[in-house]
Amino acid sequence: MNYDGEFAAIRSRNITEETCRKFNVRISPTGDSIRFPYYTSSGRICGWKERSQDKEFRWVGKNEDNQLFGQNLFGGGKTLVCVEGEFDALAVWQARPNWPVCSVPSGAKGARKALSKQLQWLLKFEEVILMFDTDQPGIEAAEECVSLFPHD
């Protein structure tokens, strides 16, 4: 896959270039979209989600191993924050550097399916915080996803 583009701050979201470099988020060569990479379990980029300035999304390639955005960066630990979208993941990282964070690839509606496919990885963390949006789809997704995890 030819994953190219420039690293730059995303000013509309107050996301720094440093944060974009951490997550390998790039501006497309034409400058009209933002690219969020997805990896295989072996660490190879297999595709990316592209968001246009018109807020339209499209996939290039295929998320072969059903990885979560950011999953390739963290192997386990104390706490993981899981959010609905890639911009949310970047914002959490920027607000709390060194907090492992990931996002589901398809928003609230696909959250349970996405997390269930990566449950083995998620359970490498002592605590998983579901930080979904407070709209109705986000609340419903959080309620559905919490049942995936063992209770204390």
N, C-alpha and C. Protein backbone atom coordinates (compact mmCIF):
# COMPACT_ATOMS: atom_id res chain seq x y z
N MET A 1 0.85 -1.18 0.00
CA MET A 1 0.00 0.00 0.00
C MET A 1 0.89 1.23 0.00
N ASN A 2 0.50 2.18 -0.80
CA ASN A 2 1.24 3.43 -0.86
C ASN A 2 0.56 4.46 0.03
N TYR A 3 0.84 4.38 1.31
CA TYR A 3 0.26 5.31 2.28
C TYR A 3 1.17 6.53 2.32
N ASP A 4 0.73 7.60 1.68
CA ASP A 4 1.55 8.79 1.64
C ASP A 4 0.76 9.99 2.13
N GLY A 5 1.38 11.13 2.09
CA GLY A 5 0.77 12.36 2.57
C GLY A 5 1.72 13.07 3.51
N GLU A 6 1.31 14.22 3.96
CA GLU A 6 2.15 15.06 4.81
C GLU A 6 1.65 15.04 6.26
N PHE A 7 2.60 15.16 7.16
CA PHE A 7 2.24 15.37 8.57
C PHE A 7 1.99 16.86 8.75
N ALA A 8 0.92 17.18 9.42
CA ALA A 8 0.59 18.58 9.71
C ALA A 8 -0.38 18.63 10.87
N ALA A 9 -0.41 19.78 11.53
CA ALA A 9 -1.41 19.99 12.58
C ALA A 9 -2.79 20.04 11.93
N ILE A 10 -3.78 19.62 12.68
CA ILE A 10 -5.17 19.72 12.22
C ILE A 10 -5.78 20.85 13.05
N ARG A 11 -5.65 22.05 12.54
CA ARG A 11 -6.02 23.24 13.31
C ARG A 11 -7.49 23.29 13.69
N SER A 12 -8.37 22.80 12.83
CA SER A 12 -9.80 22.83 13.12
C SER A 12 -10.16 22.01 14.36
N ARG A 13 -9.29 21.08 14.73
CA ARG A 13 -9.51 20.22 15.90
C ARG A 13 -8.48 20.46 17.01
N ASN A 14 -7.59 21.44 16.80
CA ASN A 14 -6.51 21.74 17.74
C ASN A 14 -5.62 20.52 17.99
N ILE A 15 -5.41 19.72 16.95
CA ILE A 15 -4.53 18.55 17.03
C ILE A 15 -3.16 18.95 16.49
N THR A 16 -2.12 18.67 17.25
CA THR A 16 -0.77 19.07 16.86
C THR A 16 -0.17 18.11 15.83
N GLU A 17 0.84 18.58 15.16
CA GLU A 17 1.57 17.73 14.23
C GLU A 17 2.22 16.57 14.97
N GLU A 18 2.70 16.83 16.16
CA GLU A 18 3.33 15.77 16.97
C GLU A 18 2.36 14.62 17.23
N THR A 19 1.11 14.94 17.55
CA THR A 19 0.10 13.91 17.78
C THR A 19 -0.17 13.15 16.49
N CYS A 20 -0.26 13.87 15.38
CA CYS A 20 -0.47 13.20 14.08
C CYS A 20 0.68 12.26 13.76
N ARG A 21 1.90 12.67 14.08
CA ARG A 21 3.06 11.79 13.84
C ARG A 21 2.98 10.53 14.70
N LYS A 22 2.56 10.67 15.94
CA LYS A 22 2.45 9.53 16.85
C LYS A 22 1.53 8.46 16.26
N PHE A 23 0.40 8.90 15.68
CA PHE A 23 -0.61 7.97 15.15
C PHE A 23 -0.50 7.78 13.64
N ASN A 24 0.53 8.40 13.03
CA ASN A 24 0.78 8.30 11.58
C ASN A 24 -0.40 8.83 10.76
N VAL A 25 -1.07 9.84 11.27
CA VAL A 25 -2.18 10.48 10.57
C VAL A 25 -1.61 11.53 9.62
N ARG A 26 -2.08 11.50 8.38
CA ARG A 26 -1.51 12.37 7.36
C ARG A 26 -2.58 13.12 6.58
N ILE A 27 -2.16 14.23 6.02
CA ILE A 27 -2.99 14.98 5.08
C ILE A 27 -2.69 14.41 3.70
N SER A 28 -3.72 14.13 2.91
CA SER A 28 -3.52 13.54 1.58
C SER A 28 -2.64 14.44 0.72
N PRO A 29 -1.96 13.88 -0.28
CA PRO A 29 -1.09 14.69 -1.15
C PRO A 29 -1.83 15.86 -1.81
N THR A 30 -3.13 15.71 -2.05
CA THR A 30 -3.90 16.80 -2.65
C THR A 30 -4.35 17.82 -1.61
N GLY A 31 -4.20 17.48 -0.33
CA GLY A 31 -4.55 18.40 0.75
C GLY A 31 -6.03 18.50 1.06
N ASP A 32 -6.84 17.63 0.46
CA ASP A 32 -8.28 17.75 0.65
C ASP A 32 -8.88 16.72 1.60
N SER A 33 -8.04 15.87 2.22
CA SER A 33 -8.57 14.88 3.15
C SER A 33 -7.51 14.49 4.17
N ILE A 34 -7.99 13.89 5.25
CA ILE A 34 -7.13 13.41 6.33
C ILE A 34 -7.17 11.90 6.31
N ARG A 35 -6.01 11.27 6.48
CA ARG A 35 -5.90 9.80 6.42
C ARG A 35 -5.56 9.22 7.79
N PHE A 36 -6.35 8.22 8.18
CA PHE A 36 -6.16 7.52 9.45
C PHE A 36 -5.78 6.08 9.13
N PRO A 37 -4.53 5.66 9.41
CA PRO A 37 -4.08 4.33 9.01
C PRO A 37 -4.57 3.22 9.94
N TYR A 38 -4.77 2.06 9.33
CA TYR A 38 -5.10 0.83 10.06
C TYR A 38 -4.05 -0.21 9.69
N TYR A 39 -3.72 -1.05 10.64
CA TYR A 39 -2.60 -1.98 10.52
C TYR A 39 -3.06 -3.44 10.63
N THR A 40 -2.22 -4.32 10.12
CA THR A 40 -2.43 -5.74 10.37
C THR A 40 -1.86 -6.06 11.75
N SER A 41 -2.14 -7.23 12.24
CA SER A 41 -1.59 -7.63 13.54
C SER A 41 -0.07 -7.75 13.50
N SER A 42 0.51 -7.87 12.31
CA SER A 42 1.97 -7.92 12.19
C SER A 42 2.59 -6.53 12.02
N GLY A 43 1.76 -5.48 12.03
CA GLY A 43 2.30 -4.12 12.01
C GLY A 43 2.41 -3.47 10.63
N ARG A 44 1.80 -4.07 9.63
CA ARG A 44 1.84 -3.53 8.27
C ARG A 44 0.57 -2.74 8.01
N ILE A 45 0.70 -1.56 7.38
CA ILE A 45 -0.50 -0.80 7.02
C ILE A 45 -1.26 -1.58 5.96
N CYS A 46 -2.54 -1.80 6.23
CA CYS A 46 -3.38 -2.57 5.29
C CYS A 46 -4.45 -1.69 4.66
N GLY A 47 -4.62 -0.50 5.18
CA GLY A 47 -5.61 0.40 4.65
C GLY A 47 -5.72 1.64 5.51
N TRP A 48 -6.57 2.54 5.07
CA TRP A 48 -6.81 3.73 5.86
C TRP A 48 -8.20 4.27 5.59
N LYS A 49 -8.68 4.99 6.59
CA LYS A 49 -9.95 5.69 6.45
C LYS A 49 -9.60 7.12 6.08
N GLU A 50 -10.28 7.63 5.09
CA GLU A 50 -10.00 8.98 4.61
C GLU A 50 -11.23 9.85 4.85
N ARG A 51 -11.03 11.01 5.46
CA ARG A 51 -12.12 11.94 5.75
C ARG A 51 -11.90 13.20 4.93
N SER A 52 -12.87 13.51 4.08
CA SER A 52 -12.75 14.70 3.23
C SER A 52 -13.15 15.95 4.02
N GLN A 53 -12.88 17.10 3.42
CA GLN A 53 -13.28 18.35 4.05
C GLN A 53 -14.80 18.46 4.16
N ASP A 54 -15.52 17.72 3.33
CA ASP A 54 -16.98 17.69 3.37
C ASP A 54 -17.52 16.68 4.38
N LYS A 55 -16.64 16.13 5.20
CA LYS A 55 -16.99 15.15 6.23
C LYS A 55 -17.51 13.84 5.65
N GLU A 56 -17.05 13.50 4.47
CA GLU A 56 -17.39 12.21 3.87
C GLU A 56 -16.22 11.26 4.12
N PHE A 57 -16.56 10.00 4.41
CA PHE A 57 -15.54 9.00 4.70
C PHE A 57 -15.48 7.98 3.58
N ARG A 58 -14.28 7.47 3.35
CA ARG A 58 -14.12 6.35 2.43
C ARG A 58 -12.92 5.53 2.91
N TRP A 59 -12.98 4.22 2.63
CA TRP A 59 -11.89 3.32 2.97
C TRP A 59 -11.03 3.07 1.75
N VAL A 60 -9.74 3.02 1.96
CA VAL A 60 -8.78 2.60 0.95
C VAL A 60 -8.11 1.36 1.53
N GLY A 61 -8.13 0.26 0.81
CA GLY A 61 -7.62 -1.00 1.35
C GLY A 61 -8.68 -1.65 2.23
N LYS A 62 -8.23 -2.58 3.07
CA LYS A 62 -9.15 -3.32 3.92
C LYS A 62 -8.52 -3.54 5.28
N ASN A 63 -9.30 -3.33 6.32
CA ASN A 63 -8.85 -3.55 7.69
C ASN A 63 -8.88 -5.07 7.93
N GLU A 64 -7.90 -5.76 7.37
CA GLU A 64 -7.86 -7.22 7.30
C GLU A 64 -8.03 -7.92 8.64
N ASP A 65 -7.37 -7.41 9.66
CA ASP A 65 -7.38 -8.07 10.96
C ASP A 65 -8.34 -7.42 11.95
N ASN A 66 -9.21 -6.54 11.44
CA ASN A 66 -10.21 -5.87 12.28
C ASN A 66 -9.59 -5.12 13.46
N GLN A 67 -8.45 -4.51 13.20
CA GLN A 67 -7.76 -3.76 14.24
C GLN A 67 -8.51 -2.47 14.57
N LEU A 68 -8.31 -2.00 15.78
CA LEU A 68 -8.84 -0.72 16.21
C LEU A 68 -7.82 0.36 15.86
N PHE A 69 -8.27 1.58 15.65
CA PHE A 69 -7.35 2.67 15.36
C PHE A 69 -6.49 2.92 16.60
N GLY A 70 -5.18 2.90 16.43
CA GLY A 70 -4.26 3.11 17.54
C GLY A 70 -3.80 1.83 18.22
N GLN A 71 -4.43 0.72 17.91
CA GLN A 71 -4.11 -0.55 18.56
C GLN A 71 -2.65 -0.93 18.37
N ASN A 72 -2.09 -0.62 17.23
CA ASN A 72 -0.71 -0.98 16.92
C ASN A 72 0.30 -0.30 17.84
N LEU A 73 -0.10 0.72 18.56
CA LEU A 73 0.82 1.50 19.38
C LEU A 73 0.96 1.01 20.82
N PHE A 74 0.04 0.17 21.25
CA PHE A 74 0.00 -0.20 22.66
C PHE A 74 -0.18 -1.71 22.82
N GLY A 75 0.59 -2.31 23.73
CA GLY A 75 0.55 -3.75 23.88
C GLY A 75 -0.19 -4.24 25.09
N GLY A 76 -0.51 -3.36 26.01
CA GLY A 76 -1.16 -3.74 27.25
C GLY A 76 -0.76 -2.76 28.32
N GLY A 77 -1.28 -2.96 29.52
CA GLY A 77 -0.91 -2.05 30.60
C GLY A 77 -2.04 -1.86 31.59
N LYS A 78 -1.98 -0.77 32.30
CA LYS A 78 -2.94 -0.50 33.35
C LYS A 78 -4.30 -0.09 32.78
N THR A 79 -4.33 1.02 32.03
CA THR A 79 -5.62 1.57 31.58
C THR A 79 -5.59 1.86 30.10
N LEU A 80 -6.68 1.55 29.42
CA LEU A 80 -6.88 1.87 28.01
C LEU A 80 -8.17 2.67 27.89
N VAL A 81 -8.13 3.75 27.13
CA VAL A 81 -9.33 4.51 26.83
C VAL A 81 -9.76 4.14 25.41
N CYS A 82 -11.02 3.78 25.26
CA CYS A 82 -11.57 3.42 23.95
C CYS A 82 -12.66 4.42 23.59
N VAL A 83 -12.52 5.05 22.43
CA VAL A 83 -13.43 6.10 22.01
C VAL A 83 -14.11 5.72 20.69
N GLU A 84 -15.05 6.57 20.26
CA GLU A 84 -15.84 6.29 19.05
C GLU A 84 -15.11 6.58 17.75
N GLY A 85 -14.29 7.60 17.71
CA GLY A 85 -13.71 8.00 16.43
C GLY A 85 -12.23 8.35 16.51
N GLU A 86 -11.62 8.39 15.36
CA GLU A 86 -10.18 8.66 15.28
C GLU A 86 -9.82 10.04 15.84
N PHE A 87 -10.61 11.06 15.51
CA PHE A 87 -10.33 12.39 16.07
C PHE A 87 -10.42 12.37 17.60
N ASP A 88 -11.36 11.59 18.13
CA ASP A 88 -11.48 11.47 19.59
C ASP A 88 -10.21 10.85 20.18
N ALA A 89 -9.68 9.85 19.50
CA ALA A 89 -8.45 9.20 19.98
C ALA A 89 -7.29 10.19 20.00
N LEU A 90 -7.17 10.97 18.95
CA LEU A 90 -6.10 11.97 18.89
C LEU A 90 -6.26 12.99 20.01
N ALA A 91 -7.49 13.41 20.28
CA ALA A 91 -7.75 14.40 21.32
C ALA A 91 -7.43 13.85 22.71
N VAL A 92 -7.80 12.59 22.96
CA VAL A 92 -7.49 11.98 24.26
C VAL A 92 -5.98 11.89 24.45
N TRP A 93 -5.28 11.44 23.41
CA TRP A 93 -3.83 11.33 23.51
C TRP A 93 -3.21 12.69 23.79
N GLN A 94 -3.69 13.70 23.10
CA GLN A 94 -3.11 15.02 23.26
C GLN A 94 -3.40 15.59 24.65
N ALA A 95 -4.59 15.32 25.18
CA ALA A 95 -4.96 15.81 26.51
C ALA A 95 -4.21 15.05 27.60
N ARG A 96 -3.99 13.75 27.38
CA ARG A 96 -3.32 12.91 28.37
C ARG A 96 -2.28 12.04 27.69
N PRO A 97 -1.14 12.64 27.30
CA PRO A 97 -0.10 11.84 26.65
C PRO A 97 0.28 10.66 27.54
N ASN A 98 0.59 9.58 26.89
CA ASN A 98 0.98 8.33 27.55
C ASN A 98 -0.20 7.51 28.06
N TRP A 99 -1.43 7.97 27.86
CA TRP A 99 -2.59 7.13 28.12
C TRP A 99 -2.85 6.34 26.86
N PRO A 100 -2.74 5.04 26.88
CA PRO A 100 -3.10 4.26 25.70
C PRO A 100 -4.55 4.55 25.30
N VAL A 101 -4.76 4.75 24.01
CA VAL A 101 -6.09 5.09 23.51
C VAL A 101 -6.29 4.43 22.15
N CYS A 102 -7.52 4.02 21.88
CA CYS A 102 -7.87 3.46 20.58
C CYS A 102 -9.27 3.91 20.23
N SER A 103 -9.63 3.74 18.98
CA SER A 103 -11.02 4.02 18.60
C SER A 103 -11.53 2.89 17.72
N VAL A 104 -12.85 2.75 17.75
CA VAL A 104 -13.49 1.76 16.89
C VAL A 104 -13.50 2.30 15.46
N PRO A 105 -13.40 1.44 14.47
CA PRO A 105 -13.28 1.92 13.09
C PRO A 105 -14.58 2.41 12.46
N SER A 106 -15.72 2.07 13.05
CA SER A 106 -16.98 2.41 12.37
C SER A 106 -17.99 3.10 13.28
N GLY A 107 -17.53 3.78 14.31
CA GLY A 107 -18.43 4.54 15.16
C GLY A 107 -19.26 3.69 16.10
N ALA A 108 -20.22 4.34 16.73
CA ALA A 108 -21.02 3.71 17.78
C ALA A 108 -21.77 2.48 17.31
N LYS A 109 -22.32 2.53 16.11
CA LYS A 109 -23.15 1.41 15.65
C LYS A 109 -22.36 0.11 15.50
N GLY A 110 -21.08 0.21 15.20
CA GLY A 110 -20.26 -0.98 15.04
C GLY A 110 -19.34 -1.26 16.21
N ALA A 111 -19.53 -0.53 17.31
CA ALA A 111 -18.59 -0.63 18.44
C ALA A 111 -18.54 -2.02 19.06
N ARG A 112 -19.68 -2.61 19.37
CA ARG A 112 -19.68 -3.93 20.02
C ARG A 112 -18.99 -4.97 19.15
N LYS A 113 -19.31 -4.98 17.87
CA LYS A 113 -18.70 -5.95 16.95
C LYS A 113 -17.18 -5.72 16.88
N ALA A 114 -16.77 -4.47 16.77
CA ALA A 114 -15.33 -4.15 16.67
C ALA A 114 -14.58 -4.56 17.94
N LEU A 115 -15.15 -4.24 19.10
CA LEU A 115 -14.48 -4.58 20.35
C LEU A 115 -14.48 -6.08 20.59
N SER A 116 -15.55 -6.76 20.22
CA SER A 116 -15.58 -8.21 20.44
C SER A 116 -14.50 -8.91 19.61
N LYS A 117 -14.20 -8.39 18.43
CA LYS A 117 -13.16 -8.99 17.59
C LYS A 117 -11.76 -8.75 18.15
N GLN A 118 -11.61 -7.78 19.04
CA GLN A 118 -10.31 -7.47 19.63
C GLN A 118 -10.30 -7.67 21.14
N LEU A 119 -11.22 -8.46 21.63
CA LEU A 119 -11.35 -8.64 23.07
C LEU A 119 -10.08 -9.19 23.71
N GLN A 120 -9.43 -10.11 23.05
CA GLN A 120 -8.19 -10.68 23.60
C GLN A 120 -7.16 -9.57 23.84
N TRP A 121 -7.02 -8.66 22.90
CA TRP A 121 -6.08 -7.54 23.06
C TRP A 121 -6.57 -6.59 24.16
N LEU A 122 -7.84 -6.28 24.17
CA LEU A 122 -8.39 -5.35 25.17
C LEU A 122 -8.16 -5.86 26.59
N LEU A 123 -8.24 -7.18 26.77
CA LEU A 123 -8.08 -7.76 28.10
C LEU A 123 -6.63 -7.78 28.57
N LYS A 124 -5.71 -7.30 27.75
CA LYS A 124 -4.32 -7.13 28.19
C LYS A 124 -4.18 -5.89 29.07
N PHE A 125 -5.24 -5.12 29.19
CA PHE A 125 -5.26 -3.95 30.05
C PHE A 125 -6.06 -4.26 31.31
N GLU A 126 -5.61 -3.74 32.43
CA GLU A 126 -6.31 -3.97 33.69
C GLU A 126 -7.68 -3.30 33.70
N GLU A 127 -7.77 -2.16 33.00
CA GLU A 127 -8.99 -1.37 32.99
C GLU A 127 -9.21 -0.83 31.58
N VAL A 128 -10.44 -0.92 31.09
CA VAL A 128 -10.81 -0.34 29.81
C VAL A 128 -11.90 0.68 30.07
N ILE A 129 -11.63 1.93 29.71
CA ILE A 129 -12.60 3.01 29.86
C ILE A 129 -13.26 3.24 28.51
N LEU A 130 -14.58 3.06 28.46
CA LEU A 130 -15.33 3.35 27.25
C LEU A 130 -15.75 4.82 27.33
N MET A 131 -15.17 5.63 26.46
CA MET A 131 -15.45 7.07 26.47
C MET A 131 -16.14 7.42 25.15
N PHE A 132 -17.38 6.97 25.04
CA PHE A 132 -18.15 7.21 23.82
C PHE A 132 -18.91 8.53 23.94
N ASP A 133 -19.45 8.99 22.83
CA ASP A 133 -20.22 10.23 22.82
C ASP A 133 -21.43 10.10 23.73
N THR A 134 -21.93 11.24 24.19
CA THR A 134 -23.09 11.22 25.08
C THR A 134 -24.41 11.37 24.34
N ASP A 135 -24.38 11.18 23.02
CA ASP A 135 -25.63 11.13 22.27
C ASP A 135 -26.24 9.74 22.41
N GLN A 136 -27.44 9.55 21.90
CA GLN A 136 -28.13 8.28 22.07
C GLN A 136 -27.34 7.09 21.51
N PRO A 137 -26.79 7.18 20.28
CA PRO A 137 -26.00 6.04 19.78
C PRO A 137 -24.78 5.73 20.65
N GLY A 138 -24.12 6.76 21.18
CA GLY A 138 -22.96 6.54 22.03
C GLY A 138 -23.32 5.88 23.34
N ILE A 139 -24.42 6.32 23.93
CA ILE A 139 -24.89 5.73 25.19
C ILE A 139 -25.27 4.26 24.98
N GLU A 140 -26.01 3.99 23.91
CA GLU A 140 -26.41 2.62 23.62
C GLU A 140 -25.19 1.73 23.35
N ALA A 141 -24.20 2.26 22.63
CA ALA A 141 -22.99 1.49 22.33
C ALA A 141 -22.24 1.16 23.62
N ALA A 142 -22.11 2.13 24.50
CA ALA A 142 -21.42 1.89 25.77
C ALA A 142 -22.13 0.80 26.57
N GLU A 143 -23.46 0.87 26.61
CA GLU A 143 -24.22 -0.13 27.35
C GLU A 143 -24.05 -1.52 26.74
N GLU A 144 -23.99 -1.61 25.42
CA GLU A 144 -23.79 -2.89 24.75
C GLU A 144 -22.37 -3.42 24.98
N CYS A 145 -21.40 -2.54 24.93
CA CYS A 145 -19.99 -2.96 24.99
C CYS A 145 -19.54 -3.34 26.40
N VAL A 146 -20.10 -2.73 27.40
CA VAL A 146 -19.66 -3.01 28.76
C VAL A 146 -19.86 -4.48 29.11
N SER A 147 -20.85 -5.11 28.52
CA SER A 147 -21.12 -6.53 28.82
C SER A 147 -20.03 -7.45 28.25
N LEU A 148 -19.16 -6.96 27.40
CA LEU A 148 -18.07 -7.77 26.85
C LEU A 148 -16.99 -8.06 27.90
N PHE A 149 -16.92 -7.23 28.91
CA PHE A 149 -15.81 -7.30 29.87
C PHE A 149 -16.22 -7.99 31.15
N PRO A 150 -15.27 -8.74 31.72
CA PRO A 150 -15.58 -9.41 33.00
C PRO A 150 -15.79 -8.39 34.11
N HIS A 151 -16.68 -8.72 35.02
CA HIS A 151 -16.94 -7.84 36.17
C HIS A 151 -15.94 -8.15 37.26
N ASP A 152 -15.64 -7.16 38.06
CA ASP A 152 -14.70 -7.35 39.18
C ASP A 152 -15.28 -8.26 40.23
